[in-house]
Every structure is written in structure tokens, then in C-alpha cells.
Amino acid sequence: MLEGQGLLEVRRGRNGGSYVSNPSSHFFVQSLDLFIKGQEASLIDLLLAREAIECAAAGQAAVMHTPEQLENLRQRSVDCSEALNDVTAFVQANLEWHQALVEASNNPLFIAFMASIWPAIRTATEREEFDLRIRKIVVGIHWHIFLAVEKRDPEAARRRMTRHLSAYGDVLKSAVA
């Protein structure tokens, strides 16, 4: 069972035996995803977790991104802009934008945490309240966050991401109430 989870490596032959393996991020993501599903986390719980992770990741991305990661984030911003009128395409582009931002932080824990909650985030963004007006606002905020990351301004990136997620949280809270 441990071998199947990637935690144990069994080698045959003269130097064979059982060896403990470093757990992969896939194992962590899978375990956390299972935990989230088992706890039936609310949308508010999800939003608070996102705020804790993504705001810090935005600040770290402003300091730690590579030129390739910055270009990826820029392209994801363009994708969001181009997908405004197609809700399904926009939801996908939006998730890819957030993923690109977290990856630009180069923090493996942020990346693994976010990967484990992507399915729940997708569900949260495929809502009626995510209308064209809100999608346009989201695109504008994404560009503002991108500019802060591009300028290597961690405080602005963190502050803008906090406002972004807080505003989205307000929309969700009013929809749930």
C-alpha cells in the first residue's frame, strides 16, 4: 500500500530492499483533496483558504518570478480578456491565471495547496453570479496584479490580490445569504 502511494520504493537484486521515498507533491495534493471533500468545506472556508495562500503567493511572485513565469502570467491575463463572452472559457482561463500566479511564487507548498483546491475553486466560479460585469472587473484586477508582479512590488501585489479575493467573497456571501 505504501509503495502504491509512492512512499516506499522496493528494489530487487543484490542491493535490494525497501526504501522510504520522499512523498511527491501528487501524494500531498491527492490527500488534501480527499480531506477537503470529506470535510465538505463551505465556499466561505474555501475563500478564506484562498486568501491565506494566494495573497501571500502574489507577494512572493513579485519577488521570485522568472521571466518565463511573468510571460505566462501575462498570457493568462490576455486569455482572460479574450474569453470574456464565453463563461466556460473564462472560468478555465481564470483558473489558469490564478495557477500561473501561484506557480510564479516558486513556493512548492503554495503550489501544492492550490492544486488540491482547484476542483472546489472551479465549482465556486461556475456560478450565475459570475456574470459578464463581474468577469470584466476580474480581468481589470488581474491586469493590476500582473503589473505589481511585473514591477516586483510585493506589497502592491499582495494588497491587490487581497482586494480581488475579498470582493469575490462579498459576491459569494451575498449569493449564499
Protein backbone atom coordinates (compact mmCIF):
# COMPACT_ATOMS: atom_id res chain seq x y z
CA MET A 1 0.00 0.00 0.00
CA LEU A 2 2.83 2.42 0.85
CA GLU A 3 4.53 1.55 -2.41
CA GLY A 4 1.34 2.30 -4.31
CA GLN A 5 1.20 5.73 -2.69
CA GLY A 6 4.81 6.42 -3.69
CA LEU A 7 6.07 6.45 -0.09
CA LEU A 8 8.10 3.25 -0.32
CA GLU A 9 10.37 2.01 -3.08
CA VAL A 10 11.06 -1.70 -3.31
CA ARG A 11 14.27 -2.64 -5.16
CA ARG A 12 15.15 -6.15 -6.25
CA GLY A 13 18.56 -7.64 -6.65
CA ARG A 14 21.81 -7.62 -4.75
CA ASN A 15 21.31 -4.17 -3.19
CA GLY A 16 17.56 -4.65 -2.98
CA GLY A 17 15.25 -3.91 -0.15
CA SER A 18 12.61 -1.45 0.89
CA TYR A 19 13.49 2.24 0.95
CA VAL A 20 11.44 5.16 2.18
CA SER A 21 10.77 7.64 -0.64
CA ASN A 22 10.22 11.34 -0.40
CA PRO A 23 6.50 11.90 -0.86
CA SER A 24 5.68 13.59 -4.14
CA SER A 25 3.54 16.69 -4.38
CA HIS A 26 0.97 14.48 -6.15
CA PHE A 27 0.56 12.42 -2.97
CA PHE A 28 0.10 15.59 -0.92
CA VAL A 29 -2.40 17.10 -3.37
CA GLN A 30 -4.39 13.87 -3.51
CA SER A 31 -4.50 13.58 0.28
CA LEU A 32 -5.53 17.20 0.81
CA ASP A 33 -8.17 16.97 -1.92
CA LEU A 34 -9.63 13.92 -0.18
CA PHE A 35 -9.60 15.79 3.13
CA ILE A 36 -11.39 18.80 1.60
CA LYS A 37 -14.07 16.59 0.07
CA GLY A 38 -14.51 14.67 3.33
CA GLN A 39 -14.91 17.87 5.33
CA GLU A 40 -17.40 19.29 2.81
CA ALA A 41 -15.71 22.69 3.09
CA SER A 42 -18.04 25.64 2.55
CA LEU A 43 -17.44 28.30 -0.08
CA ILE A 44 -16.51 30.71 2.70
CA ASP A 45 -13.94 28.23 4.07
CA LEU A 46 -12.52 27.89 0.57
CA LEU A 47 -12.34 31.64 0.12
CA LEU A 48 -10.53 32.14 3.43
CA ALA A 49 -8.00 29.44 2.49
CA ARG A 50 -7.51 31.11 -0.88
CA GLU A 51 -6.94 34.48 0.78
CA ALA A 52 -4.32 32.98 3.09
CA ILE A 53 -2.47 31.29 0.23
CA GLU A 54 -2.97 33.45 -2.85
CA CYS A 55 -2.32 36.82 -1.22
CA ALA A 56 1.00 35.59 0.16
CA ALA A 57 1.76 33.89 -3.18
CA ALA A 58 1.11 37.14 -5.06
CA GLY A 59 3.62 38.96 -2.87
CA GLN A 60 6.18 36.21 -3.27
CA ALA A 61 5.59 36.03 -7.04
CA ALA A 62 6.50 39.72 -7.29
CA VAL A 63 9.91 38.89 -5.84
CA MET A 64 10.59 35.35 -7.06
CA HIS A 65 9.13 35.08 -10.61
CA THR A 66 11.26 34.16 -13.58
CA PRO A 67 10.91 35.96 -16.93
CA GLU A 68 9.15 32.86 -18.31
CA GLN A 69 6.68 32.82 -15.43
CA LEU A 70 5.96 36.52 -15.88
CA GLU A 71 5.29 35.94 -19.59
CA ASN A 72 3.00 33.02 -18.68
CA LEU A 73 1.05 35.25 -16.27
CA ARG A 74 0.82 37.98 -18.94
CA GLN A 75 -0.51 35.45 -21.46
CA ARG A 76 -3.06 34.12 -18.96
CA SER A 77 -4.21 37.75 -18.44
CA VAL A 78 -4.67 38.07 -22.22
CA ASP A 79 -6.57 34.76 -22.27
CA CYS A 80 -8.98 36.05 -19.61
CA SER A 81 -9.53 39.24 -21.60
CA GLU A 82 -10.24 37.29 -24.79
CA ALA A 83 -12.63 34.86 -23.08
CA LEU A 84 -14.95 37.46 -21.52
CA ASN A 85 -18.01 36.48 -23.55
CA ASP A 86 -17.65 32.71 -23.13
CA VAL A 87 -18.31 31.74 -19.50
CA THR A 88 -16.83 28.25 -19.81
CA ALA A 89 -13.65 29.51 -21.49
CA PHE A 90 -13.40 32.36 -18.99
CA VAL A 91 -13.68 30.04 -15.98
CA GLN A 92 -10.83 27.94 -17.39
CA ALA A 93 -8.71 30.99 -18.24
CA ASN A 94 -9.35 32.46 -14.79
CA LEU A 95 -8.21 29.27 -13.06
CA GLU A 96 -5.11 29.14 -15.26
CA TRP A 97 -4.35 32.77 -14.37
CA HIS A 98 -4.52 32.01 -10.64
CA GLN A 99 -2.43 28.89 -11.13
CA ALA A 100 0.20 30.86 -13.08
CA LEU A 101 0.37 33.44 -10.30
CA VAL A 102 0.85 30.81 -7.61
CA GLU A 103 3.46 28.99 -9.71
CA ALA A 104 5.34 32.29 -10.13
CA SER A 105 5.76 32.37 -6.34
CA ASN A 106 8.07 29.35 -6.72
CA ASN A 107 6.79 28.14 -3.36
CA PRO A 108 6.12 24.39 -3.57
CA LEU A 109 3.74 24.49 -0.60
CA PHE A 110 1.57 27.24 -2.12
CA ILE A 111 1.54 25.35 -5.41
CA ALA A 112 0.53 22.05 -3.78
CA PHE A 113 -2.15 23.66 -1.57
CA MET A 114 -3.71 25.42 -4.52
CA ALA A 115 -3.56 22.33 -6.75
CA SER A 116 -5.55 20.46 -4.12
CA ILE A 117 -8.35 23.03 -4.05
CA TRP A 118 -8.63 23.74 -7.81
CA PRO A 119 -11.69 21.47 -8.22
CA ALA A 120 -13.51 23.33 -5.45
CA ILE A 121 -12.46 26.69 -6.91
CA ARG A 122 -13.81 25.65 -10.32
CA THR A 123 -17.16 24.81 -8.74
CA ALA A 124 -17.21 28.15 -6.91
CA THR A 125 -16.58 30.14 -10.10
CA GLU A 126 -19.15 28.30 -12.23
CA ARG A 127 -21.99 30.26 -10.64
CA GLU A 128 -24.70 32.54 -12.02
CA GLU A 129 -23.24 35.43 -10.00
CA PHE A 130 -20.08 35.27 -12.17
CA ASP A 131 -21.76 37.36 -14.89
CA LEU A 132 -20.21 39.49 -17.63
CA ARG A 133 -19.97 42.60 -15.42
CA ILE A 134 -18.03 40.66 -12.77
CA ARG A 135 -15.84 38.96 -15.39
CA LYS A 136 -14.85 42.41 -16.73
CA ILE A 137 -13.94 43.55 -13.20
CA VAL A 138 -11.91 40.37 -12.66
CA VAL A 139 -9.94 40.98 -15.87
CA GLY A 140 -9.10 44.53 -14.78
CA ILE A 141 -7.94 43.36 -11.36
CA HIS A 142 -5.85 40.59 -12.91
CA TRP A 143 -4.02 43.19 -15.00
CA HIS A 144 -3.40 45.36 -11.93
CA ILE A 145 -1.97 42.39 -10.06
CA PHE A 146 0.14 41.47 -13.09
CA LEU A 147 1.59 45.00 -13.19
CA ALA A 148 2.52 44.83 -9.50
CA VAL A 149 4.26 41.48 -10.08
CA GLU A 150 5.99 42.86 -13.17
CA LYS A 151 7.25 45.87 -11.16
CA ARG A 152 8.45 43.48 -8.41
CA ASP A 153 6.25 45.26 -5.87
CA PRO A 154 5.23 42.58 -3.34
CA GLU A 155 3.14 44.91 -1.15
CA ALA A 156 1.03 46.09 -4.09
CA ALA A 157 0.64 42.55 -5.43
CA ARG A 158 -0.47 41.26 -2.02
CA ARG A 159 -2.82 44.21 -1.43
CA ARG A 160 -4.42 43.92 -4.89
CA MET A 161 -4.90 40.17 -4.53
CA THR A 162 -6.49 40.71 -1.11
CA ARG A 163 -8.96 43.20 -2.60
CA HIS A 164 -9.64 40.85 -5.51
CA LEU A 165 -10.48 37.87 -3.33
CA SER A 166 -12.37 39.98 -0.78
CA ALA A 167 -14.59 41.43 -3.50
CA TYR A 168 -15.27 37.97 -4.87
CA GLY A 169 -16.02 36.79 -1.33
CA ASP A 170 -18.58 39.54 -0.94
CA VAL A 171 -20.32 38.35 -4.12
CA LEU A 172 -20.37 34.76 -2.84
CA LYS A 173 -21.57 35.75 0.62
CA SER A 174 -24.47 37.73 -0.80
CA ALA A 175 -25.38 34.82 -3.10
CA VAL A 176 -25.34 32.31 -0.22
CA ALA A 177 -27.33 34.57 2.15
